[in-house]
């Protein structure tokens, strides 16, 4: 979405609300979050939803990622647009007039909504680590041949998370060899200027994708090492969707249901009713 098109949907609060609500309508809430009854109807000109059974009234964004930060839809749309343009949180705060802590929470919410779109991202959201499941070997590579040296002890692995390409592997010290074999994939030492970490980080990105990711990571003035897998997942998403309209995809992610609330959507409700009938 170009700037001219974008300016049309943020002209007024009403236009912004209509735009967001149209996206939310693709996965409507069809069950009351309080009593699970399906007799729902709009109130307050469609701004809220009321249950015909228990009278519980809730926001149309209930259970969705966008509801995690209480700012207007106009502000949300601006933050999403500036995030698409790869501005830092500090710059987004300056441009939108939204406080820096609020922008940080909004940007974290955007990142989490991206993580929720993939299996390995959902593992990261849940705090799962696969270090106990995947053996890691230190190796020596000469040309196209690889020779295994030693199994890396579990105590030497700080973090091991799945990524779109291979794994994020962080070790406590310098293992022997010049690469690591993890899940049958070769991983190489990754130099990331934006991050100061203990030990070493190994990644398995193809050269083109790694150049794209590294260039963008360098824009940040320091990333906590425990957050690096999150940033890598987001950069993977950007790279994969680089030919698509990213703004629309980000907004669709934010309007989707968070983990634990998917049962409120139409498809989940219908499948539950079929199960109950059978």
C-alpha atoms as a PDB file:
ATOM      1  CA  UNK A   1       0.000   0.000   0.000  1.00  0.00           C
ATOM      2  CA  UNK A   2       1.515   3.310  -1.075  1.00  0.00           C
ATOM      3  CA  UNK A   3       1.402   6.515   0.952  1.00  0.00           C
ATOM      4  CA  UNK A   4      -1.474   8.033  -1.065  1.00  0.00           C
ATOM      5  CA  UNK A   5      -3.672   4.973  -0.487  1.00  0.00           C
ATOM      6  CA  UNK A   6      -2.631   4.838   3.150  1.00  0.00           C
ATOM      7  CA  UNK A   7      -3.510   8.497   3.728  1.00  0.00           C
ATOM      8  CA  UNK A   8      -7.111   7.739   2.714  1.00  0.00           C
ATOM      9  CA  UNK A   9      -7.658   5.183   5.488  1.00  0.00           C
ATOM     10  CA  UNK A  10      -6.150   7.311   8.273  1.00  0.00           C
ATOM     11  CA  UNK A  11      -7.982  10.547   7.431  1.00  0.00           C
ATOM     12  CA  UNK A  12     -10.443  10.026  10.271  1.00  0.00           C
ATOM     13  CA  UNK A  13     -11.009   7.634  13.156  1.00  0.00           C
ATOM     14  CA  UNK A  14     -14.132   6.344  11.399  1.00  0.00           C
ATOM     15  CA  UNK A  15     -12.234   5.424   8.211  1.00  0.00           C
ATOM     16  CA  UNK A  16      -9.515   3.703  10.236  1.00  0.00           C
ATOM     17  CA  UNK A  17     -12.069   1.763  12.274  1.00  0.00           C
ATOM     18  CA  UNK A  18     -13.948   0.656   9.166  1.00  0.00           C
ATOM     19  CA  UNK A  19     -10.740  -0.537   7.525  1.00  0.00           C
ATOM     20  CA  UNK A  20      -9.650  -2.572  10.550  1.00  0.00           C
ATOM     21  CA  UNK A  21     -13.158  -3.935  11.139  1.00  0.00           C
ATOM     22  CA  UNK A  22     -13.339  -5.192   7.541  1.00  0.00           C
ATOM     23  CA  UNK A  23     -10.209  -7.218   8.124  1.00  0.00           C
ATOM     24  CA  UNK A  24     -11.532  -8.545  11.448  1.00  0.00           C
ATOM     25  CA  UNK A  25     -14.754  -9.577   9.676  1.00  0.00           C
ATOM     26  CA  UNK A  26     -12.799 -12.247   7.777  1.00  0.00           C
ATOM     27  CA  UNK A  27     -12.617 -14.183  11.043  1.00  0.00           C
ATOM     28  CA  UNK A  28     -15.627 -12.997  13.015  1.00  0.00           C
ATOM     29  CA  UNK A  29     -16.230 -13.791  16.646  1.00  0.00           C
ATOM     30  CA  UNK A  30     -19.087 -16.301  16.690  1.00  0.00           C
ATOM     31  CA  UNK A  31     -19.126 -17.349  20.333  1.00  0.00           C
ATOM     32  CA  UNK A  32     -19.373 -15.367  23.547  1.00  0.00           C
ATOM     33  CA  UNK A  33     -16.026 -15.456  25.392  1.00  0.00           C
ATOM     34  CA  UNK A  34     -17.885 -15.686  28.702  1.00  0.00           C
ATOM     35  CA  UNK A  35     -20.625 -18.293  28.130  1.00  0.00           C
ATOM     36  CA  UNK A  36     -19.746 -19.647  24.631  1.00  0.00           C
ATOM     37  CA  UNK A  37     -23.265 -18.939  23.341  1.00  0.00           C
ATOM     38  CA  UNK A  38     -23.472 -18.026  19.658  1.00  0.00           C
ATOM     39  CA  UNK A  39     -26.333 -15.500  19.874  1.00  0.00           C
ATOM     40  CA  UNK A  40     -24.303 -12.319  19.350  1.00  0.00           C
ATOM     41  CA  UNK A  41     -25.353  -8.948  17.962  1.00  0.00           C
ATOM     42  CA  UNK A  42     -23.596  -5.594  17.406  1.00  0.00           C
ATOM     43  CA  UNK A  43     -24.197  -2.576  19.655  1.00  0.00           C
ATOM     44  CA  UNK A  44     -22.877   0.997  19.752  1.00  0.00           C
ATOM     45  CA  UNK A  45     -22.956   1.271  15.939  1.00  0.00           C
ATOM     46  CA  UNK A  46     -20.958  -1.914  15.572  1.00  0.00           C
ATOM     47  CA  UNK A  47     -18.143  -0.861  17.882  1.00  0.00           C
ATOM     48  CA  UNK A  48     -18.941  -3.591  20.395  1.00  0.00           C
ATOM     49  CA  UNK A  49     -20.626  -7.002  20.491  1.00  0.00           C
ATOM     50  CA  UNK A  50     -23.201  -8.229  23.012  1.00  0.00           C
ATOM     51  CA  UNK A  51     -24.180 -11.768  23.902  1.00  0.00           C
ATOM     52  CA  UNK A  52     -27.927 -12.404  23.728  1.00  0.00           C
ATOM     53  CA  UNK A  53     -27.667 -15.014  26.459  1.00  0.00           C
ATOM     54  CA  UNK A  54     -25.522 -13.611  29.277  1.00  0.00           C
ATOM     55  CA  UNK A  55     -25.535  -9.955  28.067  1.00  0.00           C
ATOM     56  CA  UNK A  56     -21.736  -9.823  28.188  1.00  0.00           C
ATOM     57  CA  UNK A  57     -20.498  -6.931  26.017  1.00  0.00           C
ATOM     58  CA  UNK A  58     -17.018  -6.853  24.501  1.00  0.00           C
ATOM     59  CA  UNK A  59     -14.850  -5.126  21.914  1.00  0.00           C
ATOM     60  CA  UNK A  60     -14.740  -6.414  18.321  1.00  0.00           C
ATOM     61  CA  UNK A  61     -10.955  -6.723  18.816  1.00  0.00           C
ATOM     62  CA  UNK A  62     -11.385  -9.032  21.803  1.00  0.00           C
ATOM     63  CA  UNK A  63      -8.844 -11.875  21.716  1.00  0.00           C
ATOM     64  CA  UNK A  64      -6.930 -10.396  18.786  1.00  0.00           C
ATOM     65  CA  UNK A  65      -3.319  -9.220  18.813  1.00  0.00           C
ATOM     66  CA  UNK A  66      -4.311  -5.613  18.165  1.00  0.00           C
ATOM     67  CA  UNK A  67      -6.247  -5.554  21.423  1.00  0.00           C
ATOM     68  CA  UNK A  68      -3.022  -6.098  23.397  1.00  0.00           C
ATOM     69  CA  UNK A  69      -2.131  -2.374  23.217  1.00  0.00           C
ATOM     70  CA  UNK A  70      -4.874   0.152  23.928  1.00  0.00           C
ATOM     71  CA  UNK A  71      -4.344   2.849  21.308  1.00  0.00           C
ATOM     72  CA  UNK A  72      -6.635   4.174  18.581  1.00  0.00           C
ATOM     73  CA  UNK A  73      -6.865   2.388  15.258  1.00  0.00           C
ATOM     74  CA  UNK A  74      -5.377   5.452  13.551  1.00  0.00           C
ATOM     75  CA  UNK A  75      -2.289   5.210  15.759  1.00  0.00           C
ATOM     76  CA  UNK A  76      -2.127   1.449  15.184  1.00  0.00           C
ATOM     77  CA  UNK A  77      -2.224   1.897  11.419  1.00  0.00           C
ATOM     78  CA  UNK A  78       0.549   4.487  11.540  1.00  0.00           C
ATOM     79  CA  UNK A  79       2.739   2.240  13.681  1.00  0.00           C
ATOM     80  CA  UNK A  80       2.190  -0.692  11.304  1.00  0.00           C
ATOM     81  CA  UNK A  81       3.033   1.493   8.296  1.00  0.00           C
ATOM     82  CA  UNK A  82       6.244   2.840   9.839  1.00  0.00           C
ATOM     83  CA  UNK A  83       7.203  -0.682  10.982  1.00  0.00           C
ATOM     84  CA  UNK A  84       6.736  -1.797   7.378  1.00  0.00           C
ATOM     85  CA  UNK A  85       9.130   0.993   6.341  1.00  0.00           C
ATOM     86  CA  UNK A  86      11.691  -0.436   8.806  1.00  0.00           C
ATOM     87  CA  UNK A  87      11.807   2.522  11.175  1.00  0.00           C
ATOM     88  CA  UNK A  88      13.112   1.947  14.694  1.00  0.00           C
ATOM     89  CA  UNK A  89      10.781   2.147  17.681  1.00  0.00           C
ATOM     90  CA  UNK A  90      12.358   5.454  18.750  1.00  0.00           C
ATOM     91  CA  UNK A  91      11.736   6.971  15.322  1.00  0.00           C
ATOM     92  CA  UNK A  92       8.159   5.635  15.240  1.00  0.00           C
ATOM     93  CA  UNK A  93       7.539   7.261  18.624  1.00  0.00           C
ATOM     94  CA  UNK A  94       8.869  10.595  17.361  1.00  0.00           C
ATOM     95  CA  UNK A  95       6.795  10.478  14.171  1.00  0.00           C
ATOM     96  CA  UNK A  96       3.489   9.389  15.729  1.00  0.00           C
ATOM     97  CA  UNK A  97       3.603  11.183  19.086  1.00  0.00           C
ATOM     98  CA  UNK A  98       2.912   7.882  20.853  1.00  0.00           C
ATOM     99  CA  UNK A  99       5.047   7.351  23.953  1.00  0.00           C
ATOM    100  CA  UNK A 100       8.166   5.253  23.466  1.00  0.00           C
ATOM    101  CA  UNK A 101       7.133   2.507  25.951  1.00  0.00           C
ATOM    102  CA  UNK A 102       3.763   2.163  24.180  1.00  0.00           C
ATOM    103  CA  UNK A 103       5.449   1.930  20.773  1.00  0.00           C
ATOM    104  CA  UNK A 104       7.786  -0.732  22.136  1.00  0.00           C
ATOM    105  CA  UNK A 105       4.790  -2.798  23.273  1.00  0.00           C
ATOM    106  CA  UNK A 106       3.042  -2.278  19.933  1.00  0.00           C
ATOM    107  CA  UNK A 107       6.119  -3.305  17.939  1.00  0.00           C
ATOM    108  CA  UNK A 108       6.619  -6.349  20.175  1.00  0.00           C
ATOM    109  CA  UNK A 109       2.978  -7.234  19.499  1.00  0.00           C
ATOM    110  CA  UNK A 110       3.570  -6.992  15.736  1.00  0.00           C
ATOM    111  CA  UNK A 111       6.585  -9.285  16.068  1.00  0.00           C
ATOM    112  CA  UNK A 112       4.646 -11.781  18.189  1.00  0.00           C
ATOM    113  CA  UNK A 113       1.794 -11.822  15.667  1.00  0.00           C
ATOM    114  CA  UNK A 114       4.367 -12.725  13.010  1.00  0.00           C
ATOM    115  CA  UNK A 115       5.777 -15.518  15.182  1.00  0.00           C
ATOM    116  CA  UNK A 116       2.287 -16.951  15.609  1.00  0.00           C
ATOM    117  CA  UNK A 117       2.065 -17.560  11.843  1.00  0.00           C
ATOM    118  CA  UNK A 118       4.669 -20.363  11.800  1.00  0.00           C
ATOM    119  CA  UNK A 119       5.185 -23.556  13.774  1.00  0.00           C
ATOM    120  CA  UNK A 120       8.735 -22.656  14.812  1.00  0.00           C
ATOM    121  CA  UNK A 121       7.554 -19.148  15.729  1.00  0.00           C
ATOM    122  CA  UNK A 122       4.831 -20.545  17.978  1.00  0.00           C
ATOM    123  CA  UNK A 123       7.468 -22.695  19.699  1.00  0.00           C
ATOM    124  CA  UNK A 124       9.423 -19.527  20.412  1.00  0.00           C
ATOM    125  CA  UNK A 125       6.322 -17.732  21.714  1.00  0.00           C
ATOM    126  CA  UNK A 126       5.667 -20.646  24.066  1.00  0.00           C
ATOM    127  CA  UNK A 127       9.261 -20.549  25.321  1.00  0.00           C
ATOM    128  CA  UNK A 128      10.048 -24.015  23.993  1.00  0.00           C
ATOM    129  CA  UNK A 129      13.673 -24.982  23.428  1.00  0.00           C
ATOM    130  CA  UNK A 130      14.626 -27.989  21.314  1.00  0.00           C
ATOM    131  CA  UNK A 131      18.086 -28.477  22.838  1.00  0.00           C
ATOM    132  CA  UNK A 132      17.017 -31.749  24.435  1.00  0.00           C
ATOM    133  CA  UNK A 133      15.630 -33.135  21.180  1.00  0.00           C
ATOM    134  CA  UNK A 134      18.211 -32.352  18.474  1.00  0.00           C
ATOM    135  CA  UNK A 135      21.803 -33.653  18.620  1.00  0.00           C
ATOM    136  CA  UNK A 136      24.504 -31.128  17.671  1.00  0.00           C
ATOM    137  CA  UNK A 137      27.908 -32.145  16.314  1.00  0.00           C
ATOM    138  CA  UNK A 138      31.020 -30.061  15.828  1.00  0.00           C
ATOM    139  CA  UNK A 139      32.438 -30.677  12.347  1.00  0.00           C
ATOM    140  CA  UNK A 140      35.306 -29.889  10.007  1.00  0.00           C
ATOM    141  CA  UNK A 141      34.383 -28.900   6.468  1.00  0.00           C
ATOM    142  CA  UNK A 142      36.913 -29.068   3.654  1.00  0.00           C
ATOM    143  CA  UNK A 143      35.401 -28.240   0.308  1.00  0.00           C
ATOM    144  CA  UNK A 144      32.134 -30.142   0.043  1.00  0.00           C
ATOM    145  CA  UNK A 145      33.122 -32.852   2.500  1.00  0.00           C
ATOM    146  CA  UNK A 146      32.190 -32.711   6.173  1.00  0.00           C
ATOM    147  CA  UNK A 147      33.723 -34.817   8.917  1.00  0.00           C
ATOM    148  CA  UNK A 148      32.030 -35.105  12.300  1.00  0.00           C
ATOM    149  CA  UNK A 149      34.228 -34.529  15.322  1.00  0.00           C
ATOM    150  CA  UNK A 150      32.308 -34.624  18.601  1.00  0.00           C
ATOM    151  CA  UNK A 151      28.793 -34.506  19.975  1.00  0.00           C
ATOM    152  CA  UNK A 152      28.414 -31.120  21.665  1.00  0.00           C
ATOM    153  CA  UNK A 153      27.436 -31.622  25.342  1.00  0.00           C
ATOM    154  CA  UNK A 154      24.031 -30.264  26.334  1.00  0.00           C
ATOM    155  CA  UNK A 155      25.674 -28.079  28.948  1.00  0.00           C
ATOM    156  CA  UNK A 156      27.574 -26.230  26.196  1.00  0.00           C
ATOM    157  CA  UNK A 157      24.368 -25.263  24.359  1.00  0.00           C
ATOM    158  CA  UNK A 158      22.831 -22.021  25.625  1.00  0.00           C
ATOM    159  CA  UNK A 159      19.990 -21.769  23.107  1.00  0.00           C
ATOM    160  CA  UNK A 160      18.706 -23.918  20.299  1.00  0.00           C
ATOM    161  CA  UNK A 161      15.559 -22.793  18.492  1.00  0.00           C
ATOM    162  CA  UNK A 162      14.089 -23.764  15.151  1.00  0.00           C
ATOM    163  CA  UNK A 163      14.123 -21.133  12.400  1.00  0.00           C
ATOM    164  CA  UNK A 164      12.761 -21.155   8.874  1.00  0.00           C
ATOM    165  CA  UNK A 165      16.223 -22.203   7.717  1.00  0.00           C
ATOM    166  CA  UNK A 166      17.890 -24.541  10.167  1.00  0.00           C
ATOM    167  CA  UNK A 167      18.293 -23.527  13.797  1.00  0.00           C
ATOM    168  CA  UNK A 168      19.442 -20.687  15.998  1.00  0.00           C
ATOM    169  CA  UNK A 169      22.350 -22.265  17.867  1.00  0.00           C
ATOM    170  CA  UNK A 170      24.260 -20.520  20.648  1.00  0.00           C
ATOM    171  CA  UNK A 171      27.128 -22.309  22.397  1.00  0.00           C
ATOM    172  CA  UNK A 172      29.042 -21.356  25.534  1.00  0.00           C
ATOM    173  CA  UNK A 173      32.494 -21.499  23.987  1.00  0.00           C
ATOM    174  CA  UNK A 174      34.476 -22.322  20.863  1.00  0.00           C
ATOM    175  CA  UNK A 175      33.874 -25.948  19.909  1.00  0.00           C
ATOM    176  CA  UNK A 176      36.504 -27.607  17.715  1.00  0.00           C
ATOM    177  CA  UNK A 177      35.953 -27.524  13.956  1.00  0.00           C
ATOM    178  CA  UNK A 178      34.692 -24.826  11.626  1.00  0.00           C
ATOM    179  CA  UNK A 179      30.976 -25.623  11.464  1.00  0.00           C
ATOM    180  CA  UNK A 180      28.198 -27.375  13.354  1.00  0.00           C
ATOM    181  CA  UNK A 181      25.865 -30.105  12.178  1.00  0.00           C
ATOM    182  CA  UNK A 182      22.359 -29.740  13.617  1.00  0.00           C
ATOM    183  CA  UNK A 183      19.293 -31.559  12.341  1.00  0.00           C
ATOM    184  CA  UNK A 184      21.356 -32.725   9.383  1.00  0.00           C
ATOM    185  CA  UNK A 185      22.035 -29.100   8.332  1.00  0.00           C
ATOM    186  CA  UNK A 186      25.395 -27.331   8.356  1.00  0.00           C
ATOM    187  CA  UNK A 187      25.527 -24.206  10.503  1.00  0.00           C
ATOM    188  CA  UNK A 188      28.283 -21.603  10.388  1.00  0.00           C
ATOM    189  CA  UNK A 189      29.498 -18.911  12.776  1.00  0.00           C
ATOM    190  CA  UNK A 190      27.416 -15.732  12.387  1.00  0.00           C
ATOM    191  CA  UNK A 191      28.920 -12.336  13.116  1.00  0.00           C
ATOM    192  CA  UNK A 192      26.126  -9.971  14.182  1.00  0.00           C
ATOM    193  CA  UNK A 193      27.435  -6.447  15.009  1.00  0.00           C
ATOM    194  CA  UNK A 194      24.170  -5.378  16.692  1.00  0.00           C
ATOM    195  CA  UNK A 195      24.448  -8.074  19.367  1.00  0.00           C
ATOM    196  CA  UNK A 196      27.030  -8.810  22.042  1.00  0.00           C
ATOM    197  CA  UNK A 197      26.714 -12.422  23.109  1.00  0.00           C
ATOM    198  CA  UNK A 198      28.524 -14.897  25.261  1.00  0.00           C
ATOM    199  CA  UNK A 199      30.005 -17.750  23.268  1.00  0.00           C
ATOM    200  CA  UNK A 200      29.195 -18.177  19.597  1.00  0.00           C
ATOM    201  CA  UNK A 201      26.121 -18.104  17.377  1.00  0.00           C
ATOM    202  CA  UNK A 202      25.678 -20.488  14.448  1.00  0.00           C
ATOM    203  CA  UNK A 203      23.122 -20.057  11.652  1.00  0.00           C
ATOM    204  CA  UNK A 204      22.318 -21.828   8.385  1.00  0.00           C
ATOM    205  CA  UNK A 205      20.972 -19.080   6.106  1.00  0.00           C
ATOM    206  CA  UNK A 206      21.790 -19.036   2.384  1.00  0.00           C
ATOM    207  CA  UNK A 207      24.137 -16.163   1.505  1.00  0.00           C
ATOM    208  CA  UNK A 208      21.478 -13.983  -0.140  1.00  0.00           C
ATOM    209  CA  UNK A 209      19.023 -14.255   2.739  1.00  0.00           C
ATOM    210  CA  UNK A 210      21.739 -13.751   5.362  1.00  0.00           C
ATOM    211  CA  UNK A 211      22.964 -10.572   3.608  1.00  0.00           C
ATOM    212  CA  UNK A 212      19.377  -9.254   3.651  1.00  0.00           C
ATOM    213  CA  UNK A 213      18.900 -10.097   7.340  1.00  0.00           C
ATOM    214  CA  UNK A 214      22.295  -8.844   8.510  1.00  0.00           C
ATOM    215  CA  UNK A 215      21.843  -5.483   6.773  1.00  0.00           C
ATOM    216  CA  UNK A 216      18.601  -4.912   8.669  1.00  0.00           C
ATOM    217  CA  UNK A 217      19.876  -6.126  12.023  1.00  0.00           C
ATOM    218  CA  UNK A 218      22.650  -3.513  11.842  1.00  0.00           C
ATOM    219  CA  UNK A 219      20.014  -0.740  12.070  1.00  0.00           C
ATOM    220  CA  UNK A 220      19.341  -1.633  15.696  1.00  0.00           C
ATOM    221  CA  UNK A 221      21.461  -0.116  18.460  1.00  0.00           C
ATOM    222  CA  UNK A 222      21.717  -3.312  20.462  1.00  0.00           C
ATOM    223  CA  UNK A 223      19.522  -6.399  20.671  1.00  0.00           C
ATOM    224  CA  UNK A 224      19.256  -8.552  23.779  1.00  0.00           C
ATOM    225  CA  UNK A 225      20.713 -11.943  22.958  1.00  0.00           C
ATOM    226  CA  UNK A 226      17.606 -13.741  24.235  1.00  0.00           C
ATOM    227  CA  UNK A 227      15.543 -11.694  21.747  1.00  0.00           C
ATOM    228  CA  UNK A 228      17.759 -12.430  18.754  1.00  0.00           C
ATOM    229  CA  UNK A 229      15.756 -15.528  17.643  1.00  0.00           C
ATOM    230  CA  UNK A 230      12.630 -13.323  17.582  1.00  0.00           C
ATOM    231  CA  UNK A 231      14.308 -10.711  15.374  1.00  0.00           C
ATOM    232  CA  UNK A 232      15.624 -13.428  13.061  1.00  0.00           C
ATOM    233  CA  UNK A 233      12.126 -14.871  12.677  1.00  0.00           C
ATOM    234  CA  UNK A 234      10.771 -11.426  11.806  1.00  0.00           C
ATOM    235  CA  UNK A 235      13.551 -10.828   9.260  1.00  0.00           C
ATOM    236  CA  UNK A 236      12.858 -14.229   7.732  1.00  0.00           C
ATOM    237  CA  UNK A 237       9.217 -13.198   7.360  1.00  0.00           C
ATOM    238  CA  UNK A 238      10.196  -9.909   5.738  1.00  0.00           C
ATOM    239  CA  UNK A 239      12.502 -11.722   3.326  1.00  0.00           C
ATOM    240  CA  UNK A 240       9.894 -14.332   2.434  1.00  0.00           C
ATOM    241  CA  UNK A 241       7.206 -11.674   1.879  1.00  0.00           C
ATOM    242  CA  UNK A 242       9.455  -9.054   0.259  1.00  0.00           C
ATOM    243  CA  UNK A 243       7.466  -9.156  -3.002  1.00  0.00           C
ATOM    244  CA  UNK A 244       4.080  -8.976  -1.260  1.00  0.00           C
ATOM    245  CA  UNK A 245       2.207  -6.008   0.209  1.00  0.00           C
ATOM    246  CA  UNK A 246       3.668  -6.257   3.703  1.00  0.00           C
ATOM    247  CA  UNK A 247       1.342  -3.681   5.271  1.00  0.00           C
ATOM    248  CA  UNK A 248      -1.736  -5.794   4.501  1.00  0.00           C
ATOM    249  CA  UNK A 249      -0.061  -8.948   5.815  1.00  0.00           C
ATOM    250  CA  UNK A 250       1.020  -7.280   9.067  1.00  0.00           C
ATOM    251  CA  UNK A 251      -2.454  -5.901   9.651  1.00  0.00           C
ATOM    252  CA  UNK A 252      -4.026  -9.281   8.925  1.00  0.00           C
ATOM    253  CA  UNK A 253      -1.677 -10.822  11.507  1.00  0.00           C
ATOM    254  CA  UNK A 254      -2.659  -8.230  14.111  1.00  0.00           C
ATOM    255  CA  UNK A 255      -6.365  -8.833  13.466  1.00  0.00           C
ATOM    256  CA  UNK A 256      -5.996 -12.592  13.891  1.00  0.00           C
ATOM    257  CA  UNK A 257      -6.710 -14.316  17.196  1.00  0.00           C
ATOM    258  CA  UNK A 258      -3.980 -14.793  19.758  1.00  0.00           C
ATOM    259  CA  UNK A 259      -3.146 -18.326  20.952  1.00  0.00           C
ATOM    260  CA  UNK A 260      -5.866 -19.433  23.341  1.00  0.00           C
ATOM    261  CA  UNK A 261      -8.602 -17.403  21.615  1.00  0.00           C
ATOM    262  CA  UNK A 262      -8.856 -19.190  18.257  1.00  0.00           C
ATOM    263  CA  UNK A 263     -11.932 -21.048  19.516  1.00  0.00           C
ATOM    264  CA  UNK A 264     -13.938 -17.812  19.204  1.00  0.00           C
ATOM    265  CA  UNK A 265     -13.639 -17.710  15.406  1.00  0.00           C
ATOM    266  CA  UNK A 266     -16.328 -19.028  13.112  1.00  0.00           C
ATOM    267  CA  UNK A 267     -14.533 -22.128  11.835  1.00  0.00           C
ATOM    268  CA  UNK A 268     -13.554 -23.280  15.312  1.00  0.00           C
ATOM    269  CA  UNK A 269     -17.069 -22.664  16.658  1.00  0.00           C
ATOM    270  CA  UNK A 270     -18.696 -24.626  13.849  1.00  0.00           C
ATOM    271  CA  UNK A 271     -16.318 -27.545  14.293  1.00  0.00           C
ATOM    272  CA  UNK A 272     -17.079 -27.556  18.026  1.00  0.00           C
ATOM    273  CA  UNK A 273     -20.830 -27.593  17.401  1.00  0.00           C
ATOM    274  CA  UNK A 274     -20.479 -30.514  14.982  1.00  0.00           C
ATOM    275  CA  UNK A 275     -18.481 -32.414  17.615  1.00  0.00           C
ATOM    276  CA  UNK A 276     -21.147 -31.729  20.241  1.00  0.00           C
ATOM    277  CA  UNK A 277     -23.931 -32.892  17.880  1.00  0.00           C
ATOM    278  CA  UNK A 278     -22.170 -36.138  17.077  1.00  0.00           C
END
